[in-house]
C-alpha atoms as a PDB file:
ATOM      1  CA  MET A   1     -14.633   4.001  22.986  1.00  0.00           C
ATOM      2  CA  ASP A   2     -13.458   0.951  20.730  1.00  0.00           C
ATOM      3  CA  PHE A   3     -14.832   3.583  17.896  1.00  0.00           C
ATOM      4  CA  VAL A   4     -11.942   5.915  19.504  1.00  0.00           C
ATOM      5  CA  ILE A   5      -9.261   3.867  20.000  1.00  0.00           C
ATOM      6  CA  PHE A   6      -9.337   2.475  16.594  1.00  0.00           C
ATOM      7  CA  VAL A   7      -9.202   6.191  15.454  1.00  0.00           C
ATOM      8  CA  ILE A   8      -6.422   6.996  17.561  1.00  0.00           C
ATOM      9  CA  SER A   9      -4.915   3.560  17.023  1.00  0.00           C
ATOM     10  CA  MET A  10      -4.775   4.001  13.367  1.00  0.00           C
ATOM     11  CA  ALA A  11      -3.575   7.664  13.600  1.00  0.00           C
ATOM     12  CA  ALA A  12      -0.199   6.413  15.721  1.00  0.00           C
ATOM     13  CA  LEU A  13       0.220   3.856  12.930  1.00  0.00           C
ATOM     14  CA  ILE A  14      -0.074   6.330  10.377  1.00  0.00           C
ATOM     15  CA  TRP A  15       2.016   9.146  11.916  1.00  0.00           C
ATOM     16  CA  GLY A  16       4.891   5.987  13.187  1.00  0.00           C
ATOM     17  CA  ALA A  17       5.340   5.426   9.562  1.00  0.00           C
ATOM     18  CA  GLU A  18       6.256   8.858   8.287  1.00  0.00           C
ATOM     19  CA  VAL A  19       8.148   8.913  10.786  1.00  0.00           C
ATOM     20  CA  ILE A  20      10.316   6.296  10.071  1.00  0.00           C
ATOM     21  CA  ILE A  21      10.492   6.438   6.397  1.00  0.00           C
ATOM     22  CA  LYS A  22      11.512  10.022   6.810  1.00  0.00           C
ATOM     23  CA  GLU A  23      14.841   9.192   9.485  1.00  0.00           C
ATOM     24  CA  SER A  24      15.489   6.148   6.829  1.00  0.00           C
ATOM     25  CA  GLU A  25      15.806   8.485   4.152  1.00  0.00           C
ATOM     26  CA  ARG A  26      17.702  10.636   6.638  1.00  0.00           C
ATOM     27  CA  ILE A  27      20.598   7.912   7.429  1.00  0.00           C
ATOM     28  CA  ALA A  28      20.202   7.461   3.358  1.00  0.00           C
ATOM     29  CA  LEU A  29      20.917  10.643   2.309  1.00  0.00           C
ATOM     30  CA  HIS A  30      23.981  10.802   4.992  1.00  0.00           C
ATOM     31  CA  TYR A  31      25.301   7.289   3.534  1.00  0.00           C
ATOM     32  CA  ASN A  32      25.046   9.024  -0.020  1.00  0.00           C
ATOM     33  CA  ILE A  33      22.928   6.221  -1.169  1.00  0.00           C
ATOM     34  CA  SER A  34      21.209   6.934  -4.521  1.00  0.00           C
ATOM     35  CA  GLU A  35      17.749   8.925  -4.396  1.00  0.00           C
ATOM     36  CA  PHE A  36      16.320   6.108  -7.173  1.00  0.00           C
ATOM     37  CA  ILE A  37      17.615   3.465  -4.937  1.00  0.00           C
ATOM     38  CA  ILE A  38      15.705   5.406  -2.020  1.00  0.00           C
ATOM     39  CA  GLY A  39      12.578   6.597  -3.900  1.00  0.00           C
ATOM     40  CA  ALA A  40      12.329   2.619  -5.487  1.00  0.00           C
ATOM     41  CA  THR A  41      12.827   1.375  -1.841  1.00  0.00           C
ATOM     42  CA  LEU A  42      12.470   3.250   1.095  1.00  0.00           C
ATOM     43  CA  VAL A  43       9.611   5.493  -0.167  1.00  0.00           C
ATOM     44  CA  ALA A  44       8.015   2.789  -1.950  1.00  0.00           C
ATOM     45  CA  LEU A  45       7.941   0.750   0.920  1.00  0.00           C
ATOM     46  CA  GLY A  46       7.598   2.858   3.356  1.00  0.00           C
ATOM     47  CA  THR A  47       4.104   4.001   2.583  1.00  0.00           C
ATOM     48  CA  SER A  48       2.977   0.061   2.235  1.00  0.00           C
ATOM     49  CA  LEU A  49       4.370  -0.023   6.693  1.00  0.00           C
ATOM     50  CA  PRO A  50       0.875   0.613   7.906  1.00  0.00           C
ATOM     51  CA  GLU A  51      -0.575  -2.025   5.637  1.00  0.00           C
ATOM     52  CA  MET A  52       2.183  -4.301   6.676  1.00  0.00           C
ATOM     53  CA  ALA A  53       2.343  -4.014  10.502  1.00  0.00           C
ATOM     54  CA  ALA A  54      -1.827  -4.244  10.548  1.00  0.00           C
ATOM     55  CA  SER A  55      -1.542  -7.438   8.294  1.00  0.00           C
ATOM     56  CA  ILE A  56       1.202  -8.930   9.963  1.00  0.00           C
ATOM     57  CA  SER A  57      -0.861  -7.902  13.632  1.00  0.00           C
ATOM     58  CA  ALA A  58      -3.822  -9.314  12.232  1.00  0.00           C
ATOM     59  CA  SER A  59      -2.230 -12.742  11.373  1.00  0.00           C
ATOM     60  CA  PHE A  60      -0.558 -13.173  14.136  1.00  0.00           C
ATOM     61  CA  LYS A  61      -3.902 -12.681  16.391  1.00  0.00           C
ATOM     62  CA  GLY A  62      -5.225 -15.421  13.868  1.00  0.00           C
ATOM     63  CA  GLN A  63      -7.841 -12.714  12.045  1.00  0.00           C
ATOM     64  CA  SER A  64      -6.655 -14.446   8.290  1.00  0.00           C
ATOM     65  CA  GLU A  65      -9.296 -12.623   6.638  1.00  0.00           C
ATOM     66  CA  MET A  66      -8.824  -9.169   8.044  1.00  0.00           C
ATOM     67  CA  ALA A  67      -5.289  -9.702   7.332  1.00  0.00           C
ATOM     68  CA  VAL A  68      -5.966 -10.815   3.978  1.00  0.00           C
ATOM     69  CA  ALA A  69      -9.032  -8.260   2.883  1.00  0.00           C
ATOM     70  CA  ASN A  70      -6.531  -5.209   4.604  1.00  0.00           C
ATOM     71  CA  VAL A  71      -3.949  -5.985   1.106  1.00  0.00           C
ATOM     72  CA  ILE A  72      -7.022  -6.206  -1.183  1.00  0.00           C
ATOM     73  CA  GLY A  73      -9.263  -3.107   0.000  1.00  0.00           C
ATOM     74  CA  SER A  74      -5.836  -0.992   0.136  1.00  0.00           C
ATOM     75  CA  ASN A  75      -4.960  -2.526  -3.060  1.00  0.00           C
ATOM     76  CA  ILE A  76      -8.507  -1.500  -4.646  1.00  0.00           C
ATOM     77  CA  MET A  77      -8.363   1.939  -2.796  1.00  0.00           C
ATOM     78  CA  ASN A  78      -4.928   3.211  -3.446  1.00  0.00           C
ATOM     79  CA  ILE A  79      -5.897   2.753  -7.497  1.00  0.00           C
ATOM     80  CA  ALA A  80      -9.824   3.627  -7.192  1.00  0.00           C
ATOM     81  CA  MET A  81     -10.041   6.129  -4.936  1.00  0.00           C
ATOM     82  CA  VAL A  82      -6.098   7.947  -4.910  1.00  0.00           C
ATOM     83  CA  LEU A  83      -5.232   8.253  -8.755  1.00  0.00           C
ATOM     84  CA  GLY A  84      -8.886   8.599  -9.129  1.00  0.00           C
ATOM     85  CA  LEU A  85      -8.670  11.493  -7.110  1.00  0.00           C
ATOM     86  CA  VAL A  86      -4.974  12.610  -8.723  1.00  0.00           C
ATOM     87  CA  PHE A  87      -6.665  11.972 -12.179  1.00  0.00           C
ATOM     88  CA  LEU A  88      -9.320  14.385 -11.490  1.00  0.00           C
ATOM     89  CA  ILE A  89      -7.112  17.135  -9.384  1.00  0.00           C
ATOM     90  CA  ALA A  90      -3.751  17.161 -11.522  1.00  0.00           C
ATOM     91  CA  THR A  91      -3.933  19.307 -14.791  1.00  0.00           C
ATOM     92  CA  LYS A  92      -1.111  17.725 -16.548  1.00  0.00           C
ATOM     93  CA  ILE A  93      -0.159  14.412 -16.427  1.00  0.00           C
ATOM     94  CA  ALA A  94       2.829  13.695 -19.100  1.00  0.00           C
ATOM     95  CA  PRO A  95       5.707  11.342 -17.059  1.00  0.00           C
ATOM     96  CA  ASP A  96       8.750  10.972 -19.459  1.00  0.00           C
ATOM     97  CA  ARG A  97       8.888   7.609 -17.654  1.00  0.00           C
ATOM     98  CA  ASP A  98       7.840   4.688 -19.336  1.00  0.00           C
ATOM     99  CA  LEU A  99       5.396   3.850 -15.901  1.00  0.00           C
ATOM    100  CA  PHE A 100       4.023   0.508 -18.472  1.00  0.00           C
ATOM    101  CA  GLY A 101       7.019  -1.378 -19.370  1.00  0.00           C
ATOM    102  CA  LYS A 102       9.287  -0.200 -16.395  1.00  0.00           C
ATOM    103  CA  ASP A 103       6.574  -0.419 -13.196  1.00  0.00           C
ATOM    104  CA  SER A 104       2.860  -1.029 -13.571  1.00  0.00           C
ATOM    105  CA  ALA A 105       3.633  -4.799 -16.007  1.00  0.00           C
ATOM    106  CA  TRP A 106       5.617  -6.323 -12.645  1.00  0.00           C
ATOM    107  CA  LEU A 107       1.807  -5.169 -10.309  1.00  0.00           C
ATOM    108  CA  LEU A 108       0.613  -8.109 -12.592  1.00  0.00           C
ATOM    109  CA  PHE A 109       2.820 -10.930 -11.508  1.00  0.00           C
ATOM    110  CA  PRO A 110       1.851 -11.076  -7.672  1.00  0.00           C
ATOM    111  CA  VAL A 111      -2.190 -10.045  -8.969  1.00  0.00           C
ATOM    112  CA  ILE A 112      -2.773 -12.765 -10.969  1.00  0.00           C
ATOM    113  CA  ILE A 113      -0.511 -15.627  -8.620  1.00  0.00           C
ATOM    114  CA  PHE A 114      -2.343 -14.677  -5.345  1.00  0.00           C
ATOM    115  CA  PRO A 115      -5.791 -16.122  -6.904  1.00  0.00           C
ATOM    116  CA  LEU A 116      -4.125 -19.246  -8.019  1.00  0.00           C
ATOM    117  CA  MET A 117      -1.986 -19.289  -4.207  1.00  0.00           C
ATOM    118  CA  VAL A 118      -6.023 -19.269  -2.606  1.00  0.00           C
ATOM    119  CA  MET A 119      -7.602 -21.584  -4.755  1.00  0.00           C
ATOM    120  CA  ASP A 120      -7.588 -23.922  -1.850  1.00  0.00           C
ATOM    121  CA  GLY A 121      -8.313 -21.351   0.457  1.00  0.00           C
ATOM    122  CA  SER A 122      -5.129 -20.911   2.076  1.00  0.00           C
ATOM    123  CA  LEU A 123      -1.994 -19.074   1.463  1.00  0.00           C
ATOM    124  CA  SER A 124       0.747 -21.209   2.964  1.00  0.00           C
ATOM    125  CA  ARG A 125       4.205 -20.216   4.435  1.00  0.00           C
ATOM    126  CA  VAL A 126       5.670 -20.922   1.245  1.00  0.00           C
ATOM    127  CA  ASP A 127       3.094 -18.995  -0.655  1.00  0.00           C
ATOM    128  CA  GLY A 128       4.132 -15.730   1.433  1.00  0.00           C
ATOM    129  CA  PHE A 129       7.850 -16.335   1.059  1.00  0.00           C
ATOM    130  CA  LEU A 130       7.077 -16.859  -3.155  1.00  0.00           C
ATOM    131  CA  LEU A 131       5.375 -13.874  -3.386  1.00  0.00           C
ATOM    132  CA  PHE A 132       7.797 -12.219  -0.711  1.00  0.00           C
ATOM    133  CA  ALA A 133      10.365 -12.830  -3.569  1.00  0.00           C
ATOM    134  CA  MET A 134       8.795 -11.097  -6.511  1.00  0.00           C
ATOM    135  CA  MET A 135       9.166  -7.661  -4.934  1.00  0.00           C
ATOM    136  CA  GLY A 136      12.935  -8.412  -4.786  1.00  0.00           C
ATOM    137  CA  ALA A 137      13.045  -9.139  -8.087  1.00  0.00           C
ATOM    138  CA  TYR A 138      10.830  -6.055  -8.969  1.00  0.00           C
ATOM    139  CA  VAL A 139      13.647  -4.360  -6.980  1.00  0.00           C
ATOM    140  CA  LEU A 140      16.529  -5.944  -8.648  1.00  0.00           C
ATOM    141  CA  PHE A 141      14.695  -5.020 -11.800  1.00  0.00           C
ATOM    142  CA  LEU A 142      14.331  -1.474 -11.141  1.00  0.00           C
ATOM    143  CA  ILE A 143      17.943  -0.818  -9.770  1.00  0.00           C
ATOM    144  CA  GLN A 144      19.412  -2.552 -12.955  1.00  0.00           C
ATOM    145  CA  SER A 145      17.335  -0.832 -15.498  1.00  0.00           C
ATOM    146  CA  HIS A 146      17.722   2.728 -14.465  1.00  0.00           C
ATOM    147  CA  GLY A 147      18.703   6.036 -15.669  1.00  0.00           C
ATOM    148  CA  GLU A 148      18.765   9.585 -14.850  1.00  0.00           C
ATOM    149  CA  GLU A 149      14.621   9.061 -13.851  1.00  0.00           C
ATOM    150  CA  GLU A 150      13.437   8.754 -10.208  1.00  0.00           C
ATOM    151  CA  ILE A 151      10.536   7.082  -9.052  1.00  0.00           C
ATOM    152  CA  ALA A 152       9.383   8.945  -5.928  1.00  0.00           C
ATOM    153  CA  GLU A 153       9.762  11.982  -4.426  1.00  0.00           C
ATOM    154  CA  ILE A 154      12.816  12.754  -2.104  1.00  0.00           C
ATOM    155  CA  ASP A 155      12.185  15.378   0.849  1.00  0.00           C
ATOM    156  CA  GLU A 156      15.017  18.283  -0.353  1.00  0.00           C
ATOM    157  CA  GLU A 157      14.737  19.902   2.989  1.00  0.00           C
ATOM    158  CA  LEU A 158      16.827  16.534   4.509  1.00  0.00           C
ATOM    159  CA  LYS A 159      19.723  16.752   2.524  1.00  0.00           C
ATOM    160  CA  LYS A 160      19.939  20.149   4.611  1.00  0.00           C
ATOM    161  CA  GLU A 161      19.374  19.328   7.609  1.00  0.00           C
ATOM    162  CA  PRO A 162      22.709  18.077   9.736  1.00  0.00           C
ATOM    163  CA  PHE A 163      22.819  14.641  10.480  1.00  0.00           C
ATOM    164  CA  ARG A 164      22.735  13.547  13.859  1.00  0.00           C
ATOM    165  CA  TRP A 165      22.822   9.688  14.632  1.00  0.00           C
ATOM    166  CA  GLY A 166      20.827  10.303  18.450  1.00  0.00           C
ATOM    167  CA  ARG A 167      18.447  11.964  17.299  1.00  0.00           C
ATOM    168  CA  THR A 168      17.481   9.938  14.249  1.00  0.00           C
ATOM    169  CA  LEU A 169      17.806   6.463  16.274  1.00  0.00           C
ATOM    170  CA  GLY A 170      15.400   8.072  18.859  1.00  0.00           C
ATOM    171  CA  PHE A 171      13.152   8.922  16.303  1.00  0.00           C
ATOM    172  CA  LEU A 172      13.482   5.698  14.696  1.00  0.00           C
ATOM    173  CA  VAL A 173      12.190   3.442  18.067  1.00  0.00           C
ATOM    174  CA  ALA A 174       9.453   6.065  18.292  1.00  0.00           C
ATOM    175  CA  GLY A 175       8.289   5.070  15.139  1.00  0.00           C
ATOM    176  CA  PHE A 176       8.801   2.007  15.178  1.00  0.00           C
ATOM    177  CA  VAL A 177       6.378   2.094  19.057  1.00  0.00           C
ATOM    178  CA  LEU A 178       3.587   3.560  17.371  1.00  0.00           C
ATOM    179  CA  VAL A 179       3.283   1.274  14.365  1.00  0.00           C
ATOM    180  CA  VAL A 180       3.463  -1.720  15.953  1.00  0.00           C
ATOM    181  CA  GLY A 181       1.530  -0.966  19.232  1.00  0.00           C
ATOM    182  CA  GLY A 182      -0.859   1.278  16.688  1.00  0.00           C
ATOM    183  CA  ALA A 183      -1.031  -1.613  14.644  1.00  0.00           C
ATOM    184  CA  ASP A 184      -2.043  -4.091  17.607  1.00  0.00           C
ATOM    185  CA  PHE A 185      -5.092  -1.607  18.922  1.00  0.00           C
ATOM    186  CA  ALA A 186      -6.017  -0.994  15.881  1.00  0.00           C
ATOM    187  CA  ILE A 187      -6.781  -4.916  15.220  1.00  0.00           C
ATOM    188  CA  GLU A 188      -7.827  -5.454  18.377  1.00  0.00           C
ATOM    189  CA  SER A 189     -10.461  -2.533  18.857  1.00  0.00           C
ATOM    190  CA  ALA A 190     -11.573  -3.248  14.527  1.00  0.00           C
ATOM    191  CA  ALA A 191     -12.365  -7.155  15.655  1.00  0.00           C
ATOM    192  CA  ASN A 192     -14.422  -5.698  18.648  1.00  0.00           C
ATOM    193  CA  ILE A 193     -16.340  -3.283  16.492  1.00  0.00           C
ATOM    194  CA  ALA A 194     -17.074  -5.809  14.034  1.00  0.00           C
ATOM    195  CA  LYS A 195     -18.662  -8.134  16.765  1.00  0.00           C
ATOM    196  CA  SER A 196     -20.580  -5.221  18.051  1.00  0.00           C
ATOM    197  CA  PHE A 197     -22.225  -4.594  14.827  1.00  0.00           C
ATOM    198  CA  GLY A 198     -22.185  -7.854  13.898  1.00  0.00           C
ATOM    199  CA  ILE A 199     -20.022  -7.488  10.624  1.00  0.00           C
ATOM    200  CA  SER A 200     -17.598  -9.349   9.201  1.00  0.00           C
ATOM    201  CA  GLU A 201     -14.421  -9.059  10.359  1.00  0.00           C
ATOM    202  CA  TRP A 202     -14.216  -9.283   5.926  1.00  0.00           C
ATOM    203  CA  ILE A 203     -15.930  -6.162   5.630  1.00  0.00           C
ATOM    204  CA  ILE A 204     -13.872  -4.183   8.241  1.00  0.00           C
ATOM    205  CA  GLY A 205     -10.512  -5.184   7.112  1.00  0.00           C
ATOM    206  CA  LEU A 206     -11.868  -4.498   3.529  1.00  0.00           C
ATOM    207  CA  LEU A 207     -13.137  -1.011   4.345  1.00  0.00           C
ATOM    208  CA  LEU A 208     -12.260   0.800   8.187  1.00  0.00           C
ATOM    209  CA  ILE A 209      -8.393  -0.411   8.185  1.00  0.00           C
ATOM    210  CA  ALA A 210      -7.698  -0.629   4.419  1.00  0.00           C
ATOM    211  CA  PHE A 211      -8.753   3.069   3.973  1.00  0.00           C
ATOM    212  CA  GLY A 212      -7.463   3.781   7.372  1.00  0.00           C
ATOM    213  CA  THR A 213      -4.073   2.411   6.072  1.00  0.00           C
ATOM    214  CA  SER A 214      -4.320   4.019   2.664  1.00  0.00           C
ATOM    215  CA  LEU A 215      -4.249   7.506   4.069  1.00  0.00           C
ATOM    216  CA  PRO A 216      -0.648   8.026   3.477  1.00  0.00           C
ATOM    217  CA  GLU A 217      -0.633   7.278  -0.040  1.00  0.00           C
ATOM    218  CA  LEU A 218      -3.734   9.742  -0.781  1.00  0.00           C
ATOM    219  CA  VAL A 219      -1.901  12.236   0.952  1.00  0.00           C
ATOM    220  CA  VAL A 220       1.269  11.996  -0.749  1.00  0.00           C
ATOM    221  CA  SER A 221      -0.451  11.557  -3.962  1.00  0.00           C
ATOM    222  CA  ILE A 222      -2.616  14.341  -3.437  1.00  0.00           C
ATOM    223  CA  LYS A 223       0.072  16.828  -2.510  1.00  0.00           C
ATOM    224  CA  ALA A 224       2.340  15.729  -5.653  1.00  0.00           C
ATOM    225  CA  ALA A 225      -0.361  16.087  -7.732  1.00  0.00           C
ATOM    226  CA  ARG A 226      -0.904  20.188  -6.769  1.00  0.00           C
ATOM    227  CA  LYS A 227       3.109  19.726  -6.776  1.00  0.00           C
ATOM    228  CA  GLY A 228       2.688  19.359 -10.333  1.00  0.00           C
ATOM    229  CA  LYS A 229       4.184  16.037  -9.867  1.00  0.00           C
ATOM    230  CA  ALA A 230       0.983  13.931 -10.479  1.00  0.00           C
ATOM    231  CA  ASP A 231       3.031  11.289 -12.353  1.00  0.00           C
ATOM    232  CA  MET A 232       5.343  10.683  -8.619  1.00  0.00           C
ATOM    233  CA  SER A 233       1.606   9.886  -7.808  1.00  0.00           C
ATOM    234  CA  ILE A 234       1.114   7.284 -10.026  1.00  0.00           C
ATOM    235  CA  GLY A 235       4.639   5.737  -9.412  1.00  0.00           C
ATOM    236  CA  ASN A 236       4.185   5.523  -5.742  1.00  0.00           C
ATOM    237  CA  ILE A 237       0.909   3.854  -6.126  1.00  0.00           C
ATOM    238  CA  ILE A 238       2.026   1.114  -8.658  1.00  0.00           C
ATOM    239  CA  GLY A 239       5.410   0.996  -5.579  1.00  0.00           C
ATOM    240  CA  SER A 240       2.927   0.644  -3.250  1.00  0.00           C
ATOM    241  CA  ASN A 241       0.296  -1.637  -4.482  1.00  0.00           C
ATOM    242  CA  MET A 242       3.464  -4.087  -5.510  1.00  0.00           C
ATOM    243  CA  ALA A 243       4.644  -4.008  -1.902  1.00  0.00           C
ATOM    244  CA  ASN A 244       0.884  -4.685  -0.513  1.00  0.00           C
ATOM    245  CA  THR A 245       0.961  -8.193  -2.727  1.00  0.00           C
ATOM    246  CA  SER A 246       4.169  -9.400  -2.087  1.00  0.00           C
ATOM    247  CA  VAL A 247       5.515  -7.939   0.686  1.00  0.00           C
ATOM    248  CA  VAL A 248       2.796  -7.535   3.071  1.00  0.00           C
ATOM    249  CA  LEU A 249       0.998 -10.379   2.290  1.00  0.00           C
ATOM    250  CA  GLY A 250       3.803 -12.438   1.969  1.00  0.00           C
ATOM    251  CA  SER A 251       5.149 -11.197   5.793  1.00  0.00           C
ATOM    252  CA  ALA A 252       1.716 -11.760   6.743  1.00  0.00           C
ATOM    253  CA  ALA A 253       1.659 -15.657   5.589  1.00  0.00           C
ATOM    254  CA  MET A 254       5.084 -16.529   7.212  1.00  0.00           C
ATOM    255  CA  THR A 255       4.035 -15.134  10.400  1.00  0.00           C
ATOM    256  CA  LYS A 256       1.622 -18.221  10.021  1.00  0.00           C
ATOM    257  CA  PRO A 257      -0.554 -19.335   7.450  1.00  0.00           C
ATOM    258  CA  LEU A 258      -3.841 -17.453   6.368  1.00  0.00           C
ATOM    259  CA  SER A 259      -6.859 -19.052   5.648  1.00  0.00           C
ATOM    260  CA  ILE A 260      -9.129 -17.527   2.873  1.00  0.00           C
ATOM    261  CA  ASN A 261     -13.171 -17.938   2.472  1.00  0.00           C
ATOM    262  CA  LEU A 262     -13.277 -17.797  -1.547  1.00  0.00           C
ATOM    263  CA  ALA A 263     -17.086 -17.551  -1.660  1.00  0.00           C
ATOM    264  CA  THR A 264     -17.091 -14.255   0.632  1.00  0.00           C
ATOM    265  CA  SER A 265     -13.827 -12.644  -0.750  1.00  0.00           C
ATOM    266  CA  SER A 266     -14.305 -13.614  -4.525  1.00  0.00           C
ATOM    267  CA  PHE A 267     -15.728 -10.428  -6.150  1.00  0.00           C
ATOM    268  CA  ASP A 268     -13.455  -8.373  -4.095  1.00  0.00           C
ATOM    269  CA  ILE A 269     -10.211 -10.202  -5.101  1.00  0.00           C
ATOM    270  CA  LEU A 270     -11.660 -10.267  -8.634  1.00  0.00           C
ATOM    271  CA  LEU A 271     -12.250  -6.429  -8.813  1.00  0.00           C
ATOM    272  CA  MET A 272      -8.269  -5.998  -7.201  1.00  0.00           C
ATOM    273  CA  ILE A 273      -7.407  -7.522 -10.737  1.00  0.00           C
ATOM    274  CA  GLY A 274     -10.148  -5.263 -12.728  1.00  0.00           C
ATOM    275  CA  VAL A 275      -8.835  -2.338 -11.126  1.00  0.00           C
ATOM    276  CA  THR A 276      -4.920  -3.137 -11.713  1.00  0.00           C
ATOM    277  CA  LEU A 277      -5.657  -4.668 -14.963  1.00  0.00           C
ATOM    278  CA  MET A 278      -7.119  -0.578 -16.025  1.00  0.00           C
ATOM    279  CA  LEU A 279      -4.182   1.332 -14.194  1.00  0.00           C
ATOM    280  CA  VAL A 280      -2.181  -1.150 -16.615  1.00  0.00           C
ATOM    281  CA  PHE A 281      -4.266   0.080 -19.896  1.00  0.00           C
ATOM    282  CA  ILE A 282      -4.090   3.567 -18.797  1.00  0.00           C
ATOM    283  CA  THR A 283      -0.183   3.727 -18.669  1.00  0.00           C
ATOM    284  CA  ALA A 284       0.048   1.598 -21.449  1.00  0.00           C
ATOM    285  CA  ASN A 285      -2.114   3.935 -23.420  1.00  0.00           C
ATOM    286  CA  ARG A 286      -0.940   7.019 -21.592  1.00  0.00           C
ATOM    287  CA  LEU A 287      -4.462   7.581 -20.836  1.00  0.00           C
ATOM    288  CA  TYR A 288      -4.029  10.599 -18.061  1.00  0.00           C
ATOM    289  CA  SER A 289      -6.938  12.210 -18.027  1.00  0.00           C
ATOM    290  CA  LYS A 290     -10.036  13.374 -16.305  1.00  0.00           C
ATOM    291  CA  ALA A 291     -12.029  10.802 -17.838  1.00  0.00           C
ATOM    292  CA  SER A 292      -9.360   8.155 -16.333  1.00  0.00           C
ATOM    293  CA  GLY A 293     -10.455   9.270 -12.713  1.00  0.00           C
ATOM    294  CA  VAL A 294     -14.285   9.253 -13.648  1.00  0.00           C
ATOM    295  CA  MET A 295     -13.973   5.363 -15.012  1.00  0.00           C
ATOM    296  CA  LEU A 296     -11.962   5.037 -11.602  1.00  0.00           C
ATOM    297  CA  LEU A 297     -14.176   6.218  -9.170  1.00  0.00           C
ATOM    298  CA  ILE A 298     -16.654   4.587 -10.792  1.00  0.00           C
ATOM    299  CA  LEU A 299     -15.553   1.350  -9.822  1.00  0.00           C
ATOM    300  CA  LEU A 300     -14.403   2.835  -6.280  1.00  0.00           C
ATOM    301  CA  ALA A 301     -18.397   3.220  -6.111  1.00  0.00           C
ATOM    302  CA  ILE A 302     -19.284  -0.630  -7.353  1.00  0.00           C
ATOM    303  CA  PHE A 303     -16.518  -1.382  -4.719  1.00  0.00           C
ATOM    304  CA  LEU A 304     -18.205  -0.121  -1.978  1.00  0.00           C
ATOM    305  CA  GLN A 305     -21.775  -0.843  -3.029  1.00  0.00           C
ATOM    306  CA  ASN A 306     -20.431  -3.891  -3.250  1.00  0.00           C
ATOM    307  CA  SER A 307     -19.225  -4.077   0.157  1.00  0.00           C
ATOM    308  CA  PHE A 308     -22.024  -2.208   1.857  1.00  0.00           C
ATOM    309  CA  THR A 309     -25.020  -4.611   1.013  1.00  0.00           C
ATOM    310  CA  ALA A 310     -22.400  -7.823   1.450  1.00  0.00           C
END
C-alpha cells in the first residue's frame, strides 16, 4: 500500500510543480517580464520544485539523510541519466551560448563548497543561508550578462492565450496543494518502504525520491532534444542542478539543520562532484556527442551498482 501511495504522491508532486511553472510563466508574460529572466529563474527553479518540496518535508520530519540524499541523487541523475540520454538522442548539438563560461562553471561553487560544509557531519542554518545566497549570485550574474540569448524554453502557446487572474490563481493554489501534499505523503510512504525492506533512508532518498523528482527534468530535456533544442536541455539541467545544491539544500537546512553520515554518503558526494566536473569538461571542450552520452551513462551504472550493493 505504501508503494501505491508513494507513486500517487510523486505524480501529484510533479504535476503540481508543472502547473505552478506554467501559471508563473503566464503571470510573468502578462507583465512583460523578459523571456530571458523567465527562463533563467522560473523555468530553472520550477523544475527543482519537486526536489525542494521533498527535501524540506523530509527536513521538517527530521529525516535529514533523505533530504540530502534526494539532492545528491537528483544531481547525479540529472547529469548522468538525463544528459546522457539527451546526447544519445540528439542528432546535433551546437549551442551558440558559451555554456561553460556562463553556466556550468557556476556549478562548481556549491558542489565544492557543500562537502567542506558537511565535514563536521552537519549542515547548519548558516550553511544553508550561504548555499541559498549562491543562487542569488548566479541569477544576478545571468541578468547582468545576458544578451539576445535564452537559456530555457518558454511555452509559446502561453503568449497567445488570454490572461485571467481568477483562473491563474485557482491553478496556482491547486498546484501548491498538490506539491505540498504530494511531498508530505511521498516522504512518509518512502520512510515506511525503507523500514519494511530494511533499507536505509539514504538509499531511498538517493534512488526512489531522487528519480521521481528528476522526472520533470527528464521529460523537459527529452522533449527539447527531440525538437532539435538539445542545447536548451543542457542549460536547463545546469540551472536545475545549481538550484538543487543551493536553493533546495539551503532551504532544507534553514528549515532544520541537517545531520549527515559521512561514512555512508562519501561515495555519492564524490560521484556528484565527479559528474559535475565531467559536465564542466564537456561544456568547456564542446564535446556534445554520443560518446559523451555513453560515458555519462557508464557513471550512472556505477552509481546504481554502488547504491544497490551498499
